[in-house]
């Protein structure tokens, strides 16, 4: 029996991971990450940092965030409380899918994980109150390489499903893609 179901998404490199859960009358157990299992599945990534966020209200947008070269990050994202719509935007200028995006719903119920390689921007919107999101990165955080693209950039055109999101001042002041120094 497979330990990890992997679905390739529409843009090359993006993957939806579904770990196997063992359930009984006491509850459940699962391996949320195993270097060995990932390598056996052809994913050779070593994660070095874990991040955890709480968003208190429905309609909060976080993103579009990424870390520029020479310290880009691959992310493995999951929602452990609540429900989010998670987005990955291809920021690789020479990619045939440059500026395209993919979204997946992540929730405590569906237990999915979204693997987002370096070269992509990451964002999510909360679909209910009190959402907790946890993600691993394969590179440490470096503030000097931390970047954002404005969440409503028309060149990217993400459909957030709301007309009145809650957005941080930092994300509201982020540049458009055309004005950014993205260097993938």
N, C-alpha and C. Protein backbone atom coordinates (compact mmCIF):
# COMPACT_ATOMS: atom_id res chain seq x y z
N UNK A 1 0.85 -1.18 0.00
CA UNK A 1 0.00 0.00 0.00
C UNK A 1 0.90 1.24 0.00
N UNK A 2 0.57 2.20 -0.86
CA UNK A 2 1.40 3.39 -0.97
C UNK A 2 1.31 4.27 0.28
N UNK A 3 2.44 4.86 0.64
CA UNK A 3 2.49 5.75 1.81
C UNK A 3 2.07 7.17 1.45
N UNK A 4 2.19 7.49 0.16
CA UNK A 4 1.98 8.86 -0.27
C UNK A 4 1.42 8.87 -1.69
N UNK A 5 0.24 9.44 -1.87
CA UNK A 5 -0.34 9.60 -3.20
C UNK A 5 0.10 10.96 -3.74
N UNK A 6 0.63 10.98 -4.95
CA UNK A 6 1.11 12.21 -5.57
C UNK A 6 0.36 12.45 -6.87
N UNK A 7 -0.20 13.66 -7.00
CA UNK A 7 -0.89 14.05 -8.22
C UNK A 7 -0.14 15.22 -8.84
N UNK A 8 0.28 15.06 -10.10
CA UNK A 8 0.92 16.15 -10.83
C UNK A 8 -0.17 17.12 -11.26
N UNK A 9 0.06 18.41 -11.06
CA UNK A 9 -0.92 19.43 -11.40
C UNK A 9 -0.63 20.03 -12.77
N UNK A 10 -1.47 21.00 -13.19
CA UNK A 10 -1.41 21.53 -14.56
C UNK A 10 -0.09 22.19 -14.92
N UNK A 11 0.59 22.75 -13.96
CA UNK A 11 1.89 23.40 -14.24
C UNK A 11 2.99 22.48 -13.74
N UNK A 12 3.94 22.20 -14.61
CA UNK A 12 5.04 21.29 -14.29
C UNK A 12 5.74 21.70 -13.00
N UNK A 13 5.93 20.74 -12.12
CA UNK A 13 6.61 20.96 -10.86
C UNK A 13 5.66 21.06 -9.67
N UNK A 14 4.42 21.50 -9.91
CA UNK A 14 3.44 21.59 -8.83
C UNK A 14 2.84 20.22 -8.58
N UNK A 15 2.78 19.83 -7.30
CA UNK A 15 2.27 18.52 -6.95
C UNK A 15 1.33 18.61 -5.75
N UNK A 16 0.30 17.78 -5.78
CA UNK A 16 -0.62 17.63 -4.65
C UNK A 16 -0.26 16.32 -3.98
N UNK A 17 0.05 16.37 -2.69
CA UNK A 17 0.45 15.19 -1.94
C UNK A 17 -0.65 14.82 -0.95
N UNK A 18 -0.93 13.54 -0.87
CA UNK A 18 -1.93 13.04 0.07
C UNK A 18 -1.31 11.90 0.87
N UNK A 19 -0.83 12.21 2.09
CA UNK A 19 -0.24 11.17 2.93
C UNK A 19 -1.30 10.15 3.36
N UNK A 20 -0.84 8.95 3.64
CA UNK A 20 -1.73 7.89 4.12
C UNK A 20 -1.99 8.09 5.61
N UNK A 21 -3.26 8.00 5.97
CA UNK A 21 -3.68 8.12 7.36
C UNK A 21 -4.10 6.75 7.89
N UNK A 22 -3.71 6.47 9.12
CA UNK A 22 -4.09 5.23 9.81
C UNK A 22 -5.09 5.63 10.89
N UNK A 23 -6.33 5.16 10.74
CA UNK A 23 -7.39 5.56 11.65
C UNK A 23 -7.98 4.36 12.39
N UNK A 24 -8.36 4.60 13.63
CA UNK A 24 -9.11 3.61 14.39
C UNK A 24 -10.00 4.36 15.39
N UNK A 25 -10.54 3.65 16.33
CA UNK A 25 -11.46 4.28 17.29
C UNK A 25 -10.81 5.36 18.15
N UNK A 26 -9.51 5.39 18.23
CA UNK A 26 -8.81 6.39 19.05
C UNK A 26 -8.58 7.70 18.30
N UNK A 27 -8.59 7.63 16.96
CA UNK A 27 -8.27 8.80 16.14
C UNK A 27 -7.46 8.38 14.94
N UNK A 28 -6.40 9.11 14.63
CA UNK A 28 -5.59 8.81 13.46
C UNK A 28 -4.13 9.16 13.69
N UNK A 29 -3.29 8.63 12.79
CA UNK A 29 -1.86 8.91 12.76
C UNK A 29 -1.44 8.99 11.31
N UNK A 30 -0.50 9.88 11.02
CA UNK A 30 0.09 9.90 9.68
C UNK A 30 1.48 10.50 9.76
N UNK A 31 2.28 10.13 8.77
CA UNK A 31 3.60 10.73 8.56
C UNK A 31 3.37 11.94 7.68
N UNK A 32 3.51 13.15 8.19
CA UNK A 32 3.29 14.32 7.35
C UNK A 32 4.49 14.60 6.44
N UNK A 33 5.65 14.11 6.85
CA UNK A 33 6.85 14.26 6.01
C UNK A 33 7.85 13.19 6.39
N UNK A 34 8.41 12.55 5.38
CA UNK A 34 9.48 11.58 5.56
C UNK A 34 10.44 11.74 4.39
N UNK A 35 11.68 12.04 4.68
CA UNK A 35 12.69 12.18 3.63
C UNK A 35 12.77 10.90 2.81
N UNK A 36 12.74 9.76 3.47
CA UNK A 36 12.83 8.48 2.77
C UNK A 36 11.64 8.27 1.83
N UNK A 37 10.42 8.52 2.32
CA UNK A 37 9.22 8.34 1.50
C UNK A 37 9.24 9.29 0.31
N UNK A 38 9.65 10.54 0.55
CA UNK A 38 9.72 11.51 -0.55
C UNK A 38 10.73 11.05 -1.60
N UNK A 39 11.90 10.60 -1.16
CA UNK A 39 12.92 10.14 -2.12
C UNK A 39 12.41 8.93 -2.91
N UNK A 40 11.73 8.01 -2.22
CA UNK A 40 11.17 6.84 -2.91
C UNK A 40 10.15 7.27 -3.97
N UNK A 41 9.49 8.41 -3.75
CA UNK A 41 8.50 8.94 -4.70
C UNK A 41 9.14 9.84 -5.76
N UNK A 42 10.47 9.96 -5.73
CA UNK A 42 11.16 10.76 -6.74
C UNK A 42 11.27 12.24 -6.40
N UNK A 43 11.00 12.59 -5.15
CA UNK A 43 11.09 13.99 -4.71
C UNK A 43 12.28 14.09 -3.76
N UNK A 44 13.37 14.67 -4.25
CA UNK A 44 14.61 14.72 -3.49
C UNK A 44 14.82 16.13 -2.92
N UNK A 45 14.06 16.43 -1.87
CA UNK A 45 14.11 17.76 -1.25
C UNK A 45 14.35 17.58 0.25
N UNK A 46 15.28 18.34 0.78
CA UNK A 46 15.52 18.34 2.22
C UNK A 46 15.00 19.67 2.76
N UNK A 47 14.03 19.60 3.65
CA UNK A 47 13.46 20.81 4.23
C UNK A 47 14.25 21.22 5.47
N UNK A 48 14.41 22.55 5.65
CA UNK A 48 15.26 23.06 6.73
C UNK A 48 14.54 24.01 7.68
N UNK A 49 13.31 24.38 7.37
CA UNK A 49 12.58 25.33 8.22
C UNK A 49 11.10 25.03 8.16
N UNK A 50 10.43 25.13 9.31
CA UNK A 50 8.97 25.00 9.40
C UNK A 50 8.39 26.34 9.79
N UNK A 51 7.24 26.70 9.17
CA UNK A 51 6.54 27.94 9.48
C UNK A 51 5.08 27.61 9.79
N UNK A 52 4.46 28.44 10.62
CA UNK A 52 3.09 28.18 11.08
C UNK A 52 2.40 29.53 11.22
N UNK A 53 1.23 29.69 10.59
CA UNK A 53 0.49 30.95 10.70
C UNK A 53 -0.94 30.69 11.14
N UNK A 54 -1.52 31.68 11.80
CA UNK A 54 -2.93 31.69 12.16
C UNK A 54 -3.56 32.91 11.50
N UNK A 55 -4.63 32.69 10.78
CA UNK A 55 -5.41 33.78 10.20
C UNK A 55 -6.78 33.73 10.87
N UNK A 56 -7.13 34.80 11.56
CA UNK A 56 -8.31 34.79 12.44
C UNK A 56 -9.65 34.92 11.74
N UNK A 57 -9.66 35.46 10.51
CA UNK A 57 -10.94 35.71 9.86
C UNK A 57 -11.00 35.10 8.46
N UNK A 58 -12.21 34.82 8.03
CA UNK A 58 -12.46 34.40 6.66
C UNK A 58 -12.15 35.59 5.73
N UNK A 59 -11.55 35.31 4.58
CA UNK A 59 -11.28 36.36 3.60
C UNK A 59 -9.93 37.02 3.72
N UNK A 60 -9.04 36.49 4.55
CA UNK A 60 -7.68 37.03 4.67
C UNK A 60 -6.84 36.47 3.52
N UNK A 61 -6.16 37.38 2.81
CA UNK A 61 -5.22 36.98 1.76
C UNK A 61 -3.81 37.18 2.30
N UNK A 62 -2.98 36.18 2.12
CA UNK A 62 -1.55 36.28 2.42
C UNK A 62 -0.82 35.94 1.11
N UNK A 63 -0.05 36.92 0.62
CA UNK A 63 0.69 36.66 -0.61
C UNK A 63 0.44 37.74 -1.63
N UNK A 64 1.10 37.64 -2.69
CA UNK A 64 1.86 36.58 -3.36
C UNK A 64 3.34 36.72 -2.93
N UNK A 65 3.85 35.76 -2.19
CA UNK A 65 5.18 35.83 -1.59
C UNK A 65 6.15 34.85 -2.25
N UNK A 66 7.42 35.23 -2.24
CA UNK A 66 8.49 34.35 -2.70
C UNK A 66 9.80 34.88 -2.18
N UNK A 67 10.83 34.07 -2.29
CA UNK A 67 12.18 34.49 -1.91
C UNK A 67 13.03 34.43 -3.17
N UNK A 68 13.66 35.55 -3.51
CA UNK A 68 14.43 35.70 -4.74
C UNK A 68 15.75 34.93 -4.69
N UNK A 69 16.35 34.76 -5.86
CA UNK A 69 17.69 34.19 -5.97
C UNK A 69 18.67 35.09 -5.23
N UNK A 70 19.68 34.59 -4.60
CA UNK A 70 20.15 33.21 -4.68
C UNK A 70 19.58 32.28 -3.59
N UNK A 71 18.51 32.67 -2.93
CA UNK A 71 17.96 31.88 -1.82
C UNK A 71 16.48 31.54 -2.02
N UNK A 72 16.08 31.04 -3.20
CA UNK A 72 14.67 30.72 -3.40
C UNK A 72 14.24 29.53 -2.53
N UNK A 73 12.94 29.42 -2.31
CA UNK A 73 12.42 28.37 -1.44
C UNK A 73 11.41 27.47 -2.15
N UNK A 74 11.55 26.19 -1.96
CA UNK A 74 10.50 25.23 -2.25
C UNK A 74 9.67 25.13 -0.99
N UNK A 75 8.34 25.03 -1.14
CA UNK A 75 7.46 24.97 0.03
C UNK A 75 6.58 23.72 -0.04
N UNK A 76 6.33 23.14 1.11
CA UNK A 76 5.37 22.06 1.27
C UNK A 76 4.32 22.56 2.26
N UNK A 77 3.12 22.89 1.74
CA UNK A 77 2.10 23.63 2.48
C UNK A 77 0.95 22.71 2.86
N UNK A 78 0.43 22.90 4.08
CA UNK A 78 -0.78 22.20 4.50
C UNK A 78 -1.59 23.07 5.45
N UNK A 79 -2.88 22.85 5.48
CA UNK A 79 -3.78 23.58 6.38
C UNK A 79 -4.21 22.61 7.47
N UNK A 80 -3.86 22.91 8.71
CA UNK A 80 -4.13 21.98 9.81
C UNK A 80 -5.35 22.36 10.64
N UNK A 81 -5.88 23.54 10.39
CA UNK A 81 -7.15 23.93 11.00
C UNK A 81 -7.86 24.86 10.04
N UNK A 82 -9.13 24.58 9.78
CA UNK A 82 -9.90 25.41 8.87
C UNK A 82 -9.75 24.97 7.43
N UNK A 83 -9.91 25.96 6.54
CA UNK A 83 -9.94 25.69 5.10
C UNK A 83 -9.40 26.90 4.36
N UNK A 84 -8.50 26.67 3.40
CA UNK A 84 -7.94 27.74 2.59
C UNK A 84 -7.97 27.35 1.12
N UNK A 85 -7.91 28.35 0.25
CA UNK A 85 -7.60 28.13 -1.15
C UNK A 85 -6.16 28.58 -1.31
N UNK A 86 -5.31 27.67 -1.73
CA UNK A 86 -3.88 27.93 -1.83
C UNK A 86 -3.51 28.12 -3.30
N UNK A 87 -2.61 29.06 -3.58
CA UNK A 87 -2.26 29.43 -4.95
C UNK A 87 -0.75 29.37 -5.15
N UNK A 88 -0.35 28.90 -6.33
CA UNK A 88 1.04 28.97 -6.76
C UNK A 88 1.05 29.66 -8.12
N UNK A 89 1.91 30.69 -8.25
CA UNK A 89 2.01 31.48 -9.48
C UNK A 89 3.40 31.24 -10.07
N UNK A 90 3.44 30.84 -11.33
CA UNK A 90 4.72 30.60 -12.00
C UNK A 90 5.40 31.94 -12.29
N UNK A 91 6.54 32.18 -11.64
CA UNK A 91 7.29 33.42 -11.82
C UNK A 91 8.59 33.20 -12.60
N UNK A 92 8.71 32.05 -13.21
CA UNK A 92 9.92 31.73 -14.00
C UNK A 92 9.75 32.35 -15.39
N UNK A 93 10.48 33.41 -15.65
CA UNK A 93 10.30 34.22 -16.87
C UNK A 93 10.42 33.42 -18.17
N UNK A 94 11.23 32.39 -18.22
CA UNK A 94 11.40 31.61 -19.44
C UNK A 94 10.50 30.38 -19.50
N UNK A 95 9.59 30.26 -18.55
CA UNK A 95 8.69 29.11 -18.52
C UNK A 95 7.52 29.32 -19.48
N UNK A 96 7.06 28.26 -20.14
CA UNK A 96 5.88 28.39 -21.01
C UNK A 96 4.60 28.70 -20.22
N UNK A 97 4.66 28.53 -18.90
CA UNK A 97 3.49 28.83 -18.06
C UNK A 97 3.71 30.07 -17.17
N UNK A 98 4.68 30.91 -17.57
CA UNK A 98 4.95 32.15 -16.83
C UNK A 98 3.66 32.94 -16.63
N UNK A 99 3.42 33.39 -15.40
CA UNK A 99 2.26 34.19 -14.97
C UNK A 99 0.99 33.36 -14.79
N UNK A 100 1.03 32.09 -15.10
CA UNK A 100 -0.14 31.24 -14.88
C UNK A 100 -0.15 30.79 -13.41
N UNK A 101 -1.33 30.45 -12.93
CA UNK A 101 -1.44 30.02 -11.54
C UNK A 101 -2.34 28.79 -11.42
N UNK A 102 -2.13 28.09 -10.33
CA UNK A 102 -2.92 26.91 -9.98
C UNK A 102 -3.39 27.10 -8.55
N UNK A 103 -4.62 26.68 -8.27
CA UNK A 103 -5.13 26.74 -6.90
C UNK A 103 -5.62 25.37 -6.47
N UNK A 104 -5.45 25.09 -5.19
CA UNK A 104 -5.96 23.86 -4.59
C UNK A 104 -6.54 24.20 -3.22
N UNK A 105 -7.63 23.54 -2.88
CA UNK A 105 -8.18 23.72 -1.54
C UNK A 105 -7.44 22.80 -0.58
N UNK A 106 -6.97 23.39 0.50
CA UNK A 106 -6.32 22.63 1.56
C UNK A 106 -7.15 22.81 2.82
N UNK A 107 -7.34 21.72 3.57
CA UNK A 107 -8.15 21.82 4.79
C UNK A 107 -7.74 20.74 5.78
N UNK A 108 -8.20 20.93 7.01
CA UNK A 108 -7.95 19.89 8.00
C UNK A 108 -8.70 18.62 7.63
N UNK A 109 -9.79 18.74 6.89
CA UNK A 109 -10.56 17.56 6.50
C UNK A 109 -9.90 16.79 5.35
N UNK A 110 -9.45 17.50 4.29
CA UNK A 110 -8.91 16.76 3.14
C UNK A 110 -7.45 16.36 3.32
N UNK A 111 -6.75 16.99 4.27
CA UNK A 111 -5.40 16.59 4.68
C UNK A 111 -4.37 16.62 3.55
N UNK A 112 -4.67 17.37 2.51
CA UNK A 112 -3.75 17.47 1.38
C UNK A 112 -2.58 18.39 1.70
N UNK A 113 -1.51 18.21 0.92
CA UNK A 113 -0.34 19.08 0.99
C UNK A 113 -0.01 19.53 -0.43
N UNK A 114 0.46 20.76 -0.55
CA UNK A 114 0.75 21.36 -1.85
C UNK A 114 2.25 21.59 -1.92
N UNK A 115 2.92 20.92 -2.87
CA UNK A 115 4.35 21.09 -3.08
C UNK A 115 4.56 22.15 -4.14
N UNK A 116 5.21 23.26 -3.74
CA UNK A 116 5.43 24.41 -4.61
C UNK A 116 6.94 24.62 -4.76
N UNK A 117 7.49 24.36 -5.95
CA UNK A 117 8.93 24.51 -6.13
C UNK A 117 9.40 25.96 -6.12
N UNK A 118 10.70 26.13 -5.95
CA UNK A 118 11.31 27.44 -6.10
C UNK A 118 10.97 27.97 -7.50
N UNK A 119 10.80 29.28 -7.60
CA UNK A 119 10.43 29.89 -8.88
C UNK A 119 8.95 30.21 -8.97
N UNK A 120 8.22 29.89 -7.92
CA UNK A 120 6.79 30.17 -7.86
C UNK A 120 6.50 31.14 -6.73
N UNK A 121 5.51 32.01 -6.93
CA UNK A 121 4.97 32.81 -5.85
C UNK A 121 3.91 32.00 -5.13
N UNK A 122 3.75 32.26 -3.85
CA UNK A 122 2.77 31.51 -3.04
C UNK A 122 1.82 32.48 -2.36
N UNK A 123 0.54 32.10 -2.34
CA UNK A 123 -0.49 32.92 -1.69
C UNK A 123 -1.63 32.02 -1.25
N UNK A 124 -2.42 32.51 -0.30
CA UNK A 124 -3.66 31.80 0.03
C UNK A 124 -4.69 32.77 0.55
N UNK A 125 -5.96 32.33 0.49
CA UNK A 125 -7.06 33.06 1.09
C UNK A 125 -7.78 32.11 2.03
N UNK A 126 -8.16 32.63 3.20
CA UNK A 126 -8.88 31.80 4.15
C UNK A 126 -10.34 31.71 3.74
N UNK A 127 -10.88 30.51 3.83
CA UNK A 127 -12.27 30.26 3.45
C UNK A 127 -13.19 30.18 4.67
N UNK A 128 -12.59 30.26 5.85
CA UNK A 128 -13.35 30.32 7.10
C UNK A 128 -12.47 30.95 8.17
N UNK A 129 -13.06 31.24 9.32
CA UNK A 129 -12.32 31.84 10.43
C UNK A 129 -11.32 30.84 11.02
N UNK A 130 -10.29 31.38 11.65
CA UNK A 130 -9.32 30.61 12.44
C UNK A 130 -8.64 29.49 11.67
N UNK A 131 -7.96 29.89 10.61
CA UNK A 131 -7.22 28.92 9.79
C UNK A 131 -5.75 28.89 10.21
N UNK A 132 -5.24 27.69 10.38
CA UNK A 132 -3.81 27.52 10.65
C UNK A 132 -3.17 26.85 9.45
N UNK A 133 -2.10 27.46 8.99
CA UNK A 133 -1.35 26.95 7.84
C UNK A 133 0.07 26.68 8.30
N UNK A 134 0.57 25.51 7.93
CA UNK A 134 1.94 25.14 8.25
C UNK A 134 2.64 24.78 6.95
N UNK A 135 3.91 25.22 6.84
CA UNK A 135 4.66 24.84 5.65
C UNK A 135 6.14 24.71 5.94
N UNK A 136 6.74 23.81 5.20
CA UNK A 136 8.17 23.56 5.28
C UNK A 136 8.83 24.28 4.11
N UNK A 137 10.08 24.68 4.31
CA UNK A 137 10.87 25.27 3.23
C UNK A 137 12.21 24.56 3.14
N UNK A 138 12.76 24.54 1.94
CA UNK A 138 14.07 23.91 1.75
C UNK A 138 15.22 24.92 1.83
N UNK A 139 14.88 26.16 2.13
CA UNK A 139 15.89 27.22 2.31
C UNK A 139 15.44 28.07 3.49
N UNK A 140 16.38 28.54 4.26
CA UNK A 140 16.06 29.40 5.39
C UNK A 140 15.51 30.74 4.91
N UNK A 141 14.87 31.46 5.82
CA UNK A 141 14.33 32.78 5.51
C UNK A 141 15.46 33.81 5.53
N UNK A 142 15.52 34.61 4.47
CA UNK A 142 16.48 35.71 4.37
C UNK A 142 15.70 36.97 4.02
N UNK A 143 15.55 37.92 4.97
CA UNK A 143 14.75 39.11 4.70
C UNK A 143 15.22 39.91 3.49
N UNK A 144 16.50 39.88 3.20
CA UNK A 144 17.01 40.66 2.06
C UNK A 144 16.57 40.09 0.70
N UNK A 145 16.09 38.84 0.70
CA UNK A 145 15.61 38.24 -0.54
C UNK A 145 14.09 38.04 -0.54
N UNK A 146 13.44 38.43 0.55
CA UNK A 146 11.99 38.31 0.68
C UNK A 146 11.30 39.28 -0.28
N UNK A 147 10.36 38.78 -1.08
CA UNK A 147 9.66 39.61 -2.07
C UNK A 147 8.18 39.28 -2.09
N UNK A 148 7.41 40.22 -2.65
CA UNK A 148 5.97 40.04 -2.84
C UNK A 148 5.57 40.66 -4.18
N UNK A 149 4.50 40.13 -4.73
CA UNK A 149 3.81 40.72 -5.87
C UNK A 149 2.42 41.09 -5.35
N UNK A 150 1.89 42.23 -5.75
CA UNK A 150 0.59 42.64 -5.24
C UNK A 150 -0.46 41.57 -5.56
N UNK A 151 -1.27 41.30 -4.61
CA UNK A 151 -2.25 40.19 -4.66
C UNK A 151 -3.26 40.33 -5.79
N UNK A 152 -3.56 41.56 -6.23
CA UNK A 152 -4.58 41.76 -7.27
C UNK A 152 -3.97 42.22 -8.60
N UNK A 153 -2.74 41.84 -8.86
CA UNK A 153 -2.07 42.20 -10.12
C UNK A 153 -2.90 41.68 -11.30
N UNK A 154 -3.39 42.59 -12.17
CA UNK A 154 -4.22 42.15 -13.29
C UNK A 154 -3.46 41.29 -14.31
N UNK A 155 -2.15 41.42 -14.34
CA UNK A 155 -1.36 40.60 -15.26
C UNK A 155 -1.39 39.12 -14.85
N UNK A 156 -1.58 38.86 -13.56
CA UNK A 156 -1.68 37.49 -13.06
C UNK A 156 -3.15 37.06 -13.01
N UNK A 157 -4.00 37.93 -12.51
CA UNK A 157 -5.45 37.71 -12.58
C UNK A 157 -6.00 36.59 -11.71
N UNK A 158 -5.53 36.48 -10.49
CA UNK A 158 -6.09 35.46 -9.59
C UNK A 158 -7.53 35.80 -9.25
N UNK A 159 -8.39 34.80 -9.33
CA UNK A 159 -9.78 34.94 -8.89
C UNK A 159 -9.83 34.50 -7.43
N UNK A 160 -9.92 35.47 -6.53
CA UNK A 160 -9.90 35.20 -5.09
C UNK A 160 -11.27 34.80 -4.55
N UNK A 161 -12.31 35.00 -5.33
CA UNK A 161 -13.64 34.61 -4.88
C UNK A 161 -14.27 35.57 -3.90
N UNK A 162 -13.72 36.80 -3.78
CA UNK A 162 -14.28 37.80 -2.88
C UNK A 162 -13.98 39.20 -3.43
N UNK A 163 -14.84 40.13 -3.12
CA UNK A 163 -14.63 41.52 -3.54
C UNK A 163 -14.03 42.38 -2.44
N UNK A 164 -14.02 41.86 -1.20
CA UNK A 164 -13.51 42.67 -0.09
C UNK A 164 -12.61 41.84 0.83
N UNK A 165 -11.42 41.46 0.34
CA UNK A 165 -10.51 40.67 1.16
C UNK A 165 -9.85 41.51 2.26
N UNK A 166 -9.29 40.83 3.23
CA UNK A 166 -8.50 41.45 4.29
C UNK A 166 -7.04 41.22 3.92
N UNK A 167 -6.29 42.32 3.71
CA UNK A 167 -4.93 42.23 3.20
C UNK A 167 -4.01 43.09 4.06
N UNK A 168 -2.81 42.62 4.33
CA UNK A 168 -1.84 43.38 5.12
C UNK A 168 -1.38 44.62 4.36
N UNK A 169 -0.86 45.58 5.10
CA UNK A 169 -0.31 46.78 4.48
C UNK A 169 0.85 46.41 3.54
N UNK A 170 1.70 45.48 3.99
CA UNK A 170 2.84 45.03 3.17
C UNK A 170 2.34 44.47 1.83
N UNK A 171 1.32 43.62 1.87
CA UNK A 171 0.84 43.01 0.63
C UNK A 171 0.10 44.02 -0.25
N UNK A 172 -0.55 45.00 0.35
CA UNK A 172 -1.21 46.06 -0.44
C UNK A 172 -0.21 46.98 -1.12
N UNK A 173 0.99 47.09 -0.57
CA UNK A 173 2.03 47.97 -1.13
C UNK A 173 3.02 47.23 -2.03
N UNK A 174 2.83 45.93 -2.20
CA UNK A 174 3.75 45.15 -3.03
C UNK A 174 3.67 45.63 -4.48
N UNK A 175 4.76 45.51 -5.23
CA UNK A 175 4.74 45.95 -6.64
C UNK A 175 3.98 44.96 -7.53
N UNK A 176 3.60 45.44 -8.69
CA UNK A 176 3.07 44.55 -9.72
C UNK A 176 4.24 43.70 -10.23
N UNK A 177 3.91 42.60 -10.86
CA UNK A 177 4.94 41.73 -11.44
C UNK A 177 5.83 42.51 -12.40
N UNK A 178 5.23 43.35 -13.23
CA UNK A 178 6.00 44.12 -14.22
C UNK A 178 7.02 45.05 -13.58
N UNK A 179 6.78 45.44 -12.33
CA UNK A 179 7.67 46.38 -11.63
C UNK A 179 8.57 45.69 -10.61
N UNK A 180 8.48 44.37 -10.51
CA UNK A 180 9.25 43.66 -9.49
C UNK A 180 10.62 43.27 -10.02
N UNK A 181 11.47 42.84 -9.10
CA UNK A 181 12.82 42.38 -9.48
C UNK A 181 12.89 40.85 -9.46
N UNK A 182 11.77 40.16 -9.66
CA UNK A 182 11.78 38.70 -9.69
C UNK A 182 12.84 38.24 -10.68
N UNK A 183 13.65 37.25 -10.26
CA UNK A 183 14.79 36.86 -11.11
C UNK A 183 14.90 35.35 -11.30
N UNK A 184 13.78 34.72 -11.52
CA UNK A 184 13.82 33.26 -11.78
C UNK A 184 13.92 33.01 -13.28
